[in-house]
Amino acid sequence: MPKELKERKMQHMREIGLLVTDLIPDIEHIYELNKTREVLPSVEVYIQGL
């Protein structure tokens, strides 16, 4: 990721009071959904709806 973009994202997060740790549950959830798609391709249609 370009340094300028990273700095802009961090500045925006500070402005709205969001911490990186606030994103961890969302990142974990996305990871789990992607792993489920790999193991059970038949549920991909339902995951896309989320």
N, C-alpha and C. Protein backbone atom coordinates (compact mmCIF):
# COMPACT_ATOMS: atom_id res chain seq x y z
N MET A 1 0.85 -1.17 0.00
CA MET A 1 0.00 0.00 0.00
C MET A 1 0.90 1.24 0.00
N PRO A 2 0.61 2.19 -0.87
CA PRO A 2 1.42 3.41 -0.91
C PRO A 2 1.38 4.15 0.44
N LYS A 3 2.50 4.73 0.79
CA LYS A 3 2.62 5.41 2.08
C LYS A 3 1.59 6.52 2.23
N GLU A 4 1.36 7.28 1.16
CA GLU A 4 0.40 8.38 1.21
C GLU A 4 -1.01 7.87 1.51
N LEU A 5 -1.41 6.79 0.88
CA LEU A 5 -2.73 6.22 1.11
C LEU A 5 -2.85 5.73 2.55
N LYS A 6 -1.81 5.07 3.03
CA LYS A 6 -1.82 4.57 4.40
C LYS A 6 -1.97 5.73 5.39
N GLU A 7 -1.25 6.82 5.16
CA GLU A 7 -1.34 7.98 6.04
C GLU A 7 -2.74 8.60 6.01
N ARG A 8 -3.34 8.68 4.82
CA ARG A 8 -4.70 9.24 4.71
C ARG A 8 -5.70 8.36 5.45
N LYS A 9 -5.55 7.06 5.32
CA LYS A 9 -6.47 6.15 6.02
C LYS A 9 -6.34 6.30 7.53
N MET A 10 -5.10 6.38 8.01
CA MET A 10 -4.88 6.52 9.46
C MET A 10 -5.42 7.86 9.95
N GLN A 11 -5.25 8.93 9.17
CA GLN A 11 -5.77 10.25 9.54
C GLN A 11 -7.29 10.20 9.63
N HIS A 12 -7.92 9.57 8.67
CA HIS A 12 -9.38 9.45 8.68
C HIS A 12 -9.85 8.66 9.90
N MET A 13 -9.16 7.59 10.21
CA MET A 13 -9.53 6.78 11.38
C MET A 13 -9.41 7.61 12.66
N ARG A 14 -8.37 8.42 12.77
CA ARG A 14 -8.20 9.28 13.95
C ARG A 14 -9.33 10.30 14.04
N GLU A 15 -9.71 10.86 12.90
CA GLU A 15 -10.77 11.87 12.87
C GLU A 15 -12.11 11.32 13.35
N ILE A 16 -12.40 10.09 13.02
CA ILE A 16 -13.69 9.52 13.42
C ILE A 16 -13.59 8.73 14.73
N GLY A 17 -12.39 8.68 15.31
CA GLY A 17 -12.22 8.03 16.60
C GLY A 17 -12.16 6.52 16.52
N LEU A 18 -11.76 5.99 15.39
CA LEU A 18 -11.69 4.55 15.19
C LEU A 18 -10.26 4.07 15.41
N LEU A 19 -10.11 3.00 16.15
CA LEU A 19 -8.80 2.41 16.40
C LEU A 19 -8.64 1.17 15.52
N VAL A 20 -7.40 0.83 15.24
CA VAL A 20 -7.14 -0.38 14.45
C VAL A 20 -7.74 -1.59 15.15
N THR A 21 -7.68 -1.61 16.46
CA THR A 21 -8.23 -2.75 17.21
C THR A 21 -9.74 -2.88 17.02
N ASP A 22 -10.40 -1.79 16.65
CA ASP A 22 -11.85 -1.86 16.39
C ASP A 22 -12.14 -2.67 15.13
N LEU A 23 -11.15 -2.78 14.24
CA LEU A 23 -11.35 -3.48 12.97
C LEU A 23 -11.07 -4.97 13.07
N ILE A 24 -10.40 -5.41 14.12
CA ILE A 24 -9.98 -6.81 14.23
C ILE A 24 -11.16 -7.78 14.14
N PRO A 25 -12.26 -7.56 14.86
CA PRO A 25 -13.39 -8.50 14.71
C PRO A 25 -13.91 -8.60 13.28
N ASP A 26 -13.95 -7.48 12.58
CA ASP A 26 -14.40 -7.50 11.18
C ASP A 26 -13.43 -8.28 10.30
N ILE A 27 -12.14 -8.07 10.52
CA ILE A 27 -11.12 -8.78 9.75
C ILE A 27 -11.22 -10.28 10.00
N GLU A 28 -11.41 -10.67 11.26
CA GLU A 28 -11.55 -12.09 11.58
C GLU A 28 -12.78 -12.68 10.91
N HIS A 29 -13.86 -11.94 10.91
CA HIS A 29 -15.11 -12.42 10.30
C HIS A 29 -14.92 -12.62 8.79
N ILE A 30 -14.30 -11.67 8.13
CA ILE A 30 -14.05 -11.78 6.70
C ILE A 30 -13.16 -12.98 6.40
N TYR A 31 -12.14 -13.17 7.22
CA TYR A 31 -11.23 -14.31 7.05
C TYR A 31 -12.01 -15.63 7.16
N GLU A 32 -12.85 -15.73 8.19
CA GLU A 32 -13.64 -16.96 8.38
C GLU A 32 -14.58 -17.20 7.21
N LEU A 33 -15.21 -16.16 6.71
CA LEU A 33 -16.10 -16.32 5.56
C LEU A 33 -15.34 -16.80 4.33
N ASN A 34 -14.17 -16.24 4.10
CA ASN A 34 -13.38 -16.67 2.94
C ASN A 34 -12.91 -18.10 3.08
N LYS A 35 -12.54 -18.51 4.29
CA LYS A 35 -12.14 -19.91 4.51
C LYS A 35 -13.32 -20.84 4.28
N THR A 36 -14.51 -20.44 4.71
CA THR A 36 -15.71 -21.25 4.51
C THR A 36 -15.98 -21.41 3.02
N ARG A 37 -15.79 -20.34 2.26
CA ARG A 37 -15.99 -20.41 0.81
C ARG A 37 -15.05 -21.41 0.17
N GLU A 38 -13.83 -21.51 0.68
CA GLU A 38 -12.87 -22.46 0.13
C GLU A 38 -13.27 -23.89 0.45
N VAL A 39 -13.71 -24.12 1.67
CA VAL A 39 -14.03 -25.48 2.11
C VAL A 39 -15.39 -25.93 1.58
N LEU A 40 -16.35 -25.01 1.56
CA LEU A 40 -17.71 -25.34 1.13
C LEU A 40 -18.16 -24.39 0.01
N PRO A 41 -17.71 -24.63 -1.20
CA PRO A 41 -18.07 -23.71 -2.30
C PRO A 41 -19.58 -23.57 -2.50
N SER A 42 -20.33 -24.54 -2.06
CA SER A 42 -21.78 -24.49 -2.25
C SER A 42 -22.45 -23.38 -1.43
N VAL A 43 -21.79 -22.87 -0.38
CA VAL A 43 -22.38 -21.81 0.43
C VAL A 43 -21.98 -20.42 -0.04
N GLU A 44 -21.19 -20.35 -1.11
CA GLU A 44 -20.72 -19.05 -1.59
C GLU A 44 -21.87 -18.10 -1.91
N VAL A 45 -22.95 -18.63 -2.47
CA VAL A 45 -24.10 -17.79 -2.81
C VAL A 45 -24.64 -17.10 -1.56
N TYR A 46 -24.69 -17.81 -0.45
CA TYR A 46 -25.21 -17.24 0.79
C TYR A 46 -24.22 -16.23 1.38
N ILE A 47 -22.94 -16.52 1.27
CA ILE A 47 -21.91 -15.62 1.79
C ILE A 47 -21.91 -14.32 1.01
N GLN A 48 -22.08 -14.39 -0.30
CA GLN A 48 -22.12 -13.17 -1.11
C GLN A 48 -23.28 -12.27 -0.69
N GLY A 49 -24.33 -12.86 -0.19
CA GLY A 49 -25.49 -12.08 0.26
C GLY A 49 -25.23 -11.31 1.55
N LEU A 50 -24.17 -11.68 2.25
CA LEU A 50 -23.86 -10.99 3.48
C LEU A 50 -23.17 -9.70 3.17
